Amino acid sequence: MPEKKNEYRAEAGGRTVHDVGGLDFGAVDFDEHDLPFWERRVDAMIVQLSTKKGVFKVDAMRRVIESYGEQQYDATTYYEKWARALRNLLVEQNVISREELDAKLVETRAKMRAAGREASSEDVPWNEWDEKK
């Protein structure tokens, strides 16, 4: 398991990146809303892999999310953080290799485009500590 590397928020008195309580991030949206399909799917995969299959502990999700750099943390939504942590943990726990994951992503994007659906070409960066492995 990689060593957790704490990132600190610039000009926030020694707070780590994820410690945003009381900082000005704008208004909180309290409106009830349905989650998009992809967010429900990420949630379901995490429940299955952590609770049902025991691939990783929920604490591992927290460790990975808390290791994001400030720009990475602030630029991603709640479920984007989860999806990214899930991807990182699947590779970390040797469930799938980066190469297998990359190949599956290329295949899936091609299938989506062939079906007339939108598919992002954007690559999601890995955590800095992952890059040093």
C-alpha atoms as a PDB file:
ATOM      1  CA  MET A   1       0.000   0.000   0.000  1.00  0.00           C
ATOM      2  CA  PRO A   2       1.387   3.442  -0.893  1.00  0.00           C
ATOM      3  CA  GLU A   3       2.270   5.736   1.927  1.00  0.00           C
ATOM      4  CA  LYS A   4      -0.287   8.475   2.469  1.00  0.00           C
ATOM      5  CA  LYS A   5       1.109  11.851   1.558  1.00  0.00           C
ATOM      6  CA  ASN A   6      -0.665  14.805   3.137  1.00  0.00           C
ATOM      7  CA  GLU A   7      -1.108  17.786   0.867  1.00  0.00           C
ATOM      8  CA  TYR A   8      -1.659  21.160   2.521  1.00  0.00           C
ATOM      9  CA  ARG A   9      -4.067  23.863   1.356  1.00  0.00           C
ATOM     10  CA  ALA A  10      -2.350  27.110   0.398  1.00  0.00           C
ATOM     11  CA  GLU A  11      -3.019  29.957   2.810  1.00  0.00           C
ATOM     12  CA  ALA A  12      -5.295  27.891   5.064  1.00  0.00           C
ATOM     13  CA  GLY A  13      -3.271  27.766   8.276  1.00  0.00           C
ATOM     14  CA  GLY A  14      -1.866  24.253   7.938  1.00  0.00           C
ATOM     15  CA  ARG A  15      -5.099  22.562   6.867  1.00  0.00           C
ATOM     16  CA  THR A  16      -4.859  19.579   4.606  1.00  0.00           C
ATOM     17  CA  VAL A  17      -6.429  19.836   1.142  1.00  0.00           C
ATOM     18  CA  HIS A  18      -9.635  18.012   2.061  1.00  0.00           C
ATOM     19  CA  ASP A  19     -10.224  20.030   5.263  1.00  0.00           C
ATOM     20  CA  VAL A  20     -12.474  22.726   3.789  1.00  0.00           C
ATOM     21  CA  GLY A  21     -14.970  23.159   6.626  1.00  0.00           C
ATOM     22  CA  GLY A  22     -15.607  26.866   7.260  1.00  0.00           C
ATOM     23  CA  LEU A  23     -13.741  27.990   4.143  1.00  0.00           C
ATOM     24  CA  ASP A  24     -15.592  30.053   1.531  1.00  0.00           C
ATOM     25  CA  PHE A  25     -16.572  27.672  -1.261  1.00  0.00           C
ATOM     26  CA  GLY A  26     -19.878  29.386  -2.000  1.00  0.00           C
ATOM     27  CA  ALA A  27     -23.399  28.384  -1.119  1.00  0.00           C
ATOM     28  CA  VAL A  28     -24.306  24.779  -0.425  1.00  0.00           C
ATOM     29  CA  ASP A  29     -27.051  23.415  -2.682  1.00  0.00           C
ATOM     30  CA  PHE A  30     -29.647  21.823  -0.396  1.00  0.00           C
ATOM     31  CA  ASP A  31     -32.103  20.986  -3.189  1.00  0.00           C
ATOM     32  CA  GLU A  32     -33.109  17.349  -3.488  1.00  0.00           C
ATOM     33  CA  HIS A  33     -32.183  15.899  -6.862  1.00  0.00           C
ATOM     34  CA  ASP A  34     -31.819  12.573  -8.565  1.00  0.00           C
ATOM     35  CA  LEU A  35     -28.270  11.404  -9.107  1.00  0.00           C
ATOM     36  CA  PRO A  36     -27.172  10.942 -12.707  1.00  0.00           C
ATOM     37  CA  PHE A  37     -26.851   7.302 -13.758  1.00  0.00           C
ATOM     38  CA  TRP A  38     -23.032   7.323 -13.661  1.00  0.00           C
ATOM     39  CA  GLU A  39     -23.013   8.583 -10.045  1.00  0.00           C
ATOM     40  CA  ARG A  40     -25.438   5.834  -8.958  1.00  0.00           C
ATOM     41  CA  ARG A  41     -23.235   3.300 -10.755  1.00  0.00           C
ATOM     42  CA  VAL A  42     -20.073   4.539  -8.984  1.00  0.00           C
ATOM     43  CA  ASP A  43     -21.859   4.299  -5.638  1.00  0.00           C
ATOM     44  CA  ALA A  44     -23.030   0.746  -6.421  1.00  0.00           C
ATOM     45  CA  MET A  45     -19.536  -0.361  -7.481  1.00  0.00           C
ATOM     46  CA  ILE A  46     -18.026   0.979  -4.271  1.00  0.00           C
ATOM     47  CA  VAL A  47     -20.629  -0.808  -2.143  1.00  0.00           C
ATOM     48  CA  GLN A  48     -20.083  -4.073  -4.037  1.00  0.00           C
ATOM     49  CA  LEU A  49     -16.288  -3.932  -4.006  1.00  0.00           C
ATOM     50  CA  SER A  50     -15.814  -2.695  -0.449  1.00  0.00           C
ATOM     51  CA  THR A  51     -18.726  -4.190   1.481  1.00  0.00           C
ATOM     52  CA  LYS A  52     -19.733  -7.279  -0.474  1.00  0.00           C
ATOM     53  CA  LYS A  53     -16.450  -8.417  -2.064  1.00  0.00           C
ATOM     54  CA  GLY A  54     -13.924  -6.994   0.410  1.00  0.00           C
ATOM     55  CA  VAL A  55     -11.575  -5.743  -2.330  1.00  0.00           C
ATOM     56  CA  PHE A  56     -10.793  -2.661  -0.241  1.00  0.00           C
ATOM     57  CA  LYS A  57     -12.036  -0.917   2.897  1.00  0.00           C
ATOM     58  CA  VAL A  58     -13.988   2.323   2.805  1.00  0.00           C
ATOM     59  CA  ASP A  59     -11.061   3.849   4.728  1.00  0.00           C
ATOM     60  CA  ALA A  60      -8.929   3.233   1.643  1.00  0.00           C
ATOM     61  CA  MET A  61     -11.302   5.441  -0.368  1.00  0.00           C
ATOM     62  CA  ARG A  62     -10.795   8.179   2.196  1.00  0.00           C
ATOM     63  CA  ARG A  63      -7.006   7.752   2.102  1.00  0.00           C
ATOM     64  CA  VAL A  64      -6.922   8.103  -1.675  1.00  0.00           C
ATOM     65  CA  ILE A  65      -9.294  11.086  -1.796  1.00  0.00           C
ATOM     66  CA  GLU A  66      -7.403  12.872   0.970  1.00  0.00           C
ATOM     67  CA  SER A  67      -4.162  12.438  -0.964  1.00  0.00           C
ATOM     68  CA  TYR A  68      -5.331  14.592  -3.896  1.00  0.00           C
ATOM     69  CA  GLY A  69      -3.501  17.837  -4.480  1.00  0.00           C
ATOM     70  CA  GLU A  70      -5.388  21.103  -3.915  1.00  0.00           C
ATOM     71  CA  GLN A  71      -6.091  21.751  -7.602  1.00  0.00           C
ATOM     72  CA  GLN A  72      -7.201  18.154  -8.146  1.00  0.00           C
ATOM     73  CA  TYR A  73      -9.423  18.204  -5.072  1.00  0.00           C
ATOM     74  CA  ASP A  74     -11.062  21.557  -5.838  1.00  0.00           C
ATOM     75  CA  ALA A  75     -11.597  20.815  -9.550  1.00  0.00           C
ATOM     76  CA  THR A  76     -13.539  17.575  -9.051  1.00  0.00           C
ATOM     77  CA  THR A  77     -17.068  16.961  -7.864  1.00  0.00           C
ATOM     78  CA  TYR A  78     -17.969  14.598  -5.030  1.00  0.00           C
ATOM     79  CA  TYR A  79     -18.642  11.608  -7.279  1.00  0.00           C
ATOM     80  CA  GLU A  80     -15.730  12.416  -9.576  1.00  0.00           C
ATOM     81  CA  LYS A  81     -13.521  12.052  -6.492  1.00  0.00           C
ATOM     82  CA  TRP A  82     -15.164   8.704  -5.756  1.00  0.00           C
ATOM     83  CA  ALA A  83     -14.798   7.432  -9.344  1.00  0.00           C
ATOM     84  CA  ARG A  84     -11.161   8.419  -9.446  1.00  0.00           C
ATOM     85  CA  ALA A  85     -10.449   6.816  -6.061  1.00  0.00           C
ATOM     86  CA  LEU A  86     -12.224   3.650  -7.186  1.00  0.00           C
ATOM     87  CA  ARG A  87     -10.043   3.479 -10.301  1.00  0.00           C
ATOM     88  CA  ASN A  88      -6.885   4.043  -8.273  1.00  0.00           C
ATOM     89  CA  LEU A  89      -7.813   1.387  -5.705  1.00  0.00           C
ATOM     90  CA  LEU A  90      -8.635  -1.228  -8.336  1.00  0.00           C
ATOM     91  CA  VAL A  91      -5.134  -0.791  -9.753  1.00  0.00           C
ATOM     92  CA  GLU A  92      -3.506  -0.553  -6.308  1.00  0.00           C
ATOM     93  CA  GLN A  93      -5.175  -3.794  -5.190  1.00  0.00           C
ATOM     94  CA  ASN A  94      -4.143  -5.562  -8.431  1.00  0.00           C
ATOM     95  CA  VAL A  95      -7.736  -6.165  -9.511  1.00  0.00           C
ATOM     96  CA  ILE A  96      -6.850  -4.694 -12.900  1.00  0.00           C
ATOM     97  CA  SER A  97      -3.656  -3.243 -14.363  1.00  0.00           C
ATOM     98  CA  ARG A  98      -3.369   0.259 -15.747  1.00  0.00           C
ATOM     99  CA  GLU A  99      -2.795  -1.239 -19.183  1.00  0.00           C
ATOM    100  CA  GLU A 100      -5.970  -3.353 -18.979  1.00  0.00           C
ATOM    101  CA  LEU A 101      -7.933  -0.369 -17.712  1.00  0.00           C
ATOM    102  CA  ASP A 102      -6.613   1.888 -20.494  1.00  0.00           C
ATOM    103  CA  ALA A 103      -7.497  -0.723 -23.146  1.00  0.00           C
ATOM    104  CA  LYS A 104     -11.020  -1.117 -21.727  1.00  0.00           C
ATOM    105  CA  LEU A 105     -11.474   2.645 -21.711  1.00  0.00           C
ATOM    106  CA  VAL A 106     -10.481   2.891 -25.400  1.00  0.00           C
ATOM    107  CA  GLU A 107     -12.882   0.045 -26.230  1.00  0.00           C
ATOM    108  CA  THR A 108     -15.751   1.569 -24.249  1.00  0.00           C
ATOM    109  CA  ARG A 109     -15.286   5.033 -25.761  1.00  0.00           C
ATOM    110  CA  ALA A 110     -15.349   3.511 -29.258  1.00  0.00           C
ATOM    111  CA  LYS A 111     -18.556   1.579 -28.492  1.00  0.00           C
ATOM    112  CA  MET A 112     -20.232   4.681 -27.105  1.00  0.00           C
ATOM    113  CA  ARG A 113     -19.297   6.807 -30.117  1.00  0.00           C
ATOM    114  CA  ALA A 114     -20.398   4.065 -32.528  1.00  0.00           C
ATOM    115  CA  ALA A 115     -23.773   4.091 -30.773  1.00  0.00           C
ATOM    116  CA  GLY A 116     -23.995   7.883 -31.219  1.00  0.00           C
ATOM    117  CA  ARG A 117     -23.352   8.648 -27.569  1.00  0.00           C
ATOM    118  CA  GLU A 118     -20.997  11.274 -26.222  1.00  0.00           C
ATOM    119  CA  ALA A 119     -17.696  10.037 -24.796  1.00  0.00           C
ATOM    120  CA  SER A 120     -15.069  12.292 -23.291  1.00  0.00           C
ATOM    121  CA  SER A 121     -11.518  12.033 -24.620  1.00  0.00           C
ATOM    122  CA  GLU A 122     -10.146  13.601 -21.448  1.00  0.00           C
ATOM    123  CA  ASP A 123      -7.702  11.537 -19.429  1.00  0.00           C
ATOM    124  CA  VAL A 124      -8.064  11.750 -15.670  1.00  0.00           C
ATOM    125  CA  PRO A 125      -4.674  12.209 -14.016  1.00  0.00           C
ATOM    126  CA  TRP A 126      -3.413   9.807 -11.392  1.00  0.00           C
ATOM    127  CA  ASN A 127      -2.325  11.017  -7.955  1.00  0.00           C
ATOM    128  CA  GLU A 128       1.235  12.267  -7.749  1.00  0.00           C
ATOM    129  CA  TRP A 129       2.229   9.487  -5.325  1.00  0.00           C
ATOM    130  CA  ASP A 130       0.872   6.933  -7.828  1.00  0.00           C
ATOM    131  CA  GLU A 131       3.128   8.356 -10.524  1.00  0.00           C
ATOM    132  CA  LYS A 132       6.210   7.733  -8.341  1.00  0.00           C
ATOM    133  CA  LYS A 133       5.542   3.978  -8.020  1.00  0.00           C
END
